[in-house]
C-alpha atoms as a PDB file:
ATOM      1  CA  UNK A   1     -19.704   1.805  -3.248  1.00  0.00           C
ATOM      2  CA  UNK A   2     -20.694   5.626  -2.868  1.00  0.00           C
ATOM      3  CA  UNK A   3     -18.134   8.150  -3.624  1.00  0.00           C
ATOM      4  CA  UNK A   4     -17.945  11.010  -1.938  1.00  0.00           C
ATOM      5  CA  UNK A   5     -17.686  13.870  -4.415  1.00  0.00           C
ATOM      6  CA  UNK A   6     -16.814  16.399  -1.459  1.00  0.00           C
ATOM      7  CA  UNK A   7     -13.669  14.599  -0.280  1.00  0.00           C
ATOM      8  CA  UNK A   8     -10.286  15.740  -1.095  1.00  0.00           C
ATOM      9  CA  UNK A   9      -7.401  14.138  -2.247  1.00  0.00           C
ATOM     10  CA  UNK A  10      -4.411  12.875  -0.223  1.00  0.00           C
ATOM     11  CA  UNK A  11      -1.547  15.064  -0.471  1.00  0.00           C
ATOM     12  CA  UNK A  12       1.302  14.097  -3.053  1.00  0.00           C
ATOM     13  CA  UNK A  13       3.854  13.572  -0.409  1.00  0.00           C
ATOM     14  CA  UNK A  14       6.638  12.240  -2.647  1.00  0.00           C
ATOM     15  CA  UNK A  15       6.160  14.980  -5.418  1.00  0.00           C
ATOM     16  CA  UNK A  16       5.450  12.013  -8.106  1.00  0.00           C
ATOM     17  CA  UNK A  17       9.055  10.919  -7.878  1.00  0.00           C
ATOM     18  CA  UNK A  18       8.740   7.052  -7.884  1.00  0.00           C
ATOM     19  CA  UNK A  19      12.559   6.564  -7.156  1.00  0.00           C
ATOM     20  CA  UNK A  20      14.454   5.392  -4.008  1.00  0.00           C
ATOM     21  CA  UNK A  21      18.316   4.875  -3.500  1.00  0.00           C
ATOM     22  CA  UNK A  22      18.059   2.152  -0.888  1.00  0.00           C
ATOM     23  CA  UNK A  23      15.546  -0.432   0.013  1.00  0.00           C
ATOM     24  CA  UNK A  24      13.269   0.537   2.923  1.00  0.00           C
ATOM     25  CA  UNK A  25      13.750   4.101   2.158  1.00  0.00           C
ATOM     26  CA  UNK A  26      10.668   5.047   0.079  1.00  0.00           C
ATOM     27  CA  UNK A  27       7.270   2.821   0.164  1.00  0.00           C
ATOM     28  CA  UNK A  28       3.871   3.496  -1.316  1.00  0.00           C
ATOM     29  CA  UNK A  29       0.686   2.246  -0.476  1.00  0.00           C
ATOM     30  CA  UNK A  30      -2.734   1.087  -1.730  1.00  0.00           C
ATOM     31  CA  UNK A  31      -5.988  -0.231  -0.696  1.00  0.00           C
ATOM     32  CA  UNK A  32      -8.468  -1.978  -2.885  1.00  0.00           C
ATOM     33  CA  UNK A  33     -11.789  -2.677  -1.930  1.00  0.00           C
ATOM     34  CA  UNK A  34     -13.102  -6.295  -3.177  1.00  0.00           C
ATOM     35  CA  UNK A  35     -16.760  -7.077  -2.881  1.00  0.00           C
ATOM     36  CA  UNK A  36     -17.524 -10.602  -1.410  1.00  0.00           C
ATOM     37  CA  UNK A  37     -20.656 -12.422  -0.414  1.00  0.00           C
ATOM     38  CA  UNK A  38     -19.496 -12.074   3.195  1.00  0.00           C
ATOM     39  CA  UNK A  39     -18.992  -8.362   2.906  1.00  0.00           C
ATOM     40  CA  UNK A  40     -16.335  -6.178   1.731  1.00  0.00           C
ATOM     41  CA  UNK A  41     -12.757  -7.094   1.639  1.00  0.00           C
ATOM     42  CA  UNK A  42     -10.203  -4.445   2.024  1.00  0.00           C
ATOM     43  CA  UNK A  43      -6.789  -5.579   0.665  1.00  0.00           C
ATOM     44  CA  UNK A  44      -3.577  -3.068   1.574  1.00  0.00           C
ATOM     45  CA  UNK A  45      -0.509  -3.410   0.055  1.00  0.00           C
ATOM     46  CA  UNK A  46       2.714  -1.591  -0.005  1.00  0.00           C
ATOM     47  CA  UNK A  47       5.596  -1.041  -2.449  1.00  0.00           C
ATOM     48  CA  UNK A  48       9.100  -0.603  -2.027  1.00  0.00           C
ATOM     49  CA  UNK A  49      10.120   1.771  -4.644  1.00  0.00           C
ATOM     50  CA  UNK A  50      14.041   0.700  -4.592  1.00  0.00           C
ATOM     51  CA  UNK A  51      13.105  -3.078  -5.034  1.00  0.00           C
ATOM     52  CA  UNK A  52       9.694  -3.046  -6.657  1.00  0.00           C
ATOM     53  CA  UNK A  53       8.738  -5.898  -4.148  1.00  0.00           C
ATOM     54  CA  UNK A  54       5.188  -5.768  -3.226  1.00  0.00           C
ATOM     55  CA  UNK A  55       4.297  -6.188   0.714  1.00  0.00           C
ATOM     56  CA  UNK A  56       1.001  -7.757   1.670  1.00  0.00           C
ATOM     57  CA  UNK A  57      -0.413  -7.192   5.065  1.00  0.00           C
ATOM     58  CA  UNK A  58      -1.919 -10.752   6.562  1.00  0.00           C
ATOM     59  CA  UNK A  59      -3.588 -10.536   9.913  1.00  0.00           C
ATOM     60  CA  UNK A  60      -2.945 -14.078  10.654  1.00  0.00           C
ATOM     61  CA  UNK A  61       0.937 -14.198   9.637  1.00  0.00           C
ATOM     62  CA  UNK A  62       3.056 -11.202   9.143  1.00  0.00           C
ATOM     63  CA  UNK A  63       5.389 -11.607   6.389  1.00  0.00           C
ATOM     64  CA  UNK A  64       9.116  -9.869   6.838  1.00  0.00           C
ATOM     65  CA  UNK A  65      10.084  -7.316   4.320  1.00  0.00           C
ATOM     66  CA  UNK A  66      13.299  -8.088   2.654  1.00  0.00           C
ATOM     67  CA  UNK A  67      14.961  -5.517   4.151  1.00  0.00           C
ATOM     68  CA  UNK A  68      13.851  -6.893   7.917  1.00  0.00           C
ATOM     69  CA  UNK A  69      11.330  -4.610   8.593  1.00  0.00           C
ATOM     70  CA  UNK A  70       7.568  -6.185   9.169  1.00  0.00           C
END
């Protein structure tokens, strides 16, 4: 993987405040790149800051979030 030294970091939209009063009101995300024999696999995931429940995206079967969101 090649790192772009010129790339600017994404803005901090939540001001490093990792709390939420209610589920589904504040979610954070991360993307991990996993090298495989067939190429790169990108694994995106989301974390609900109120419940600490992780949500992973599956293109074959979307899972429902406990709040009802997909």
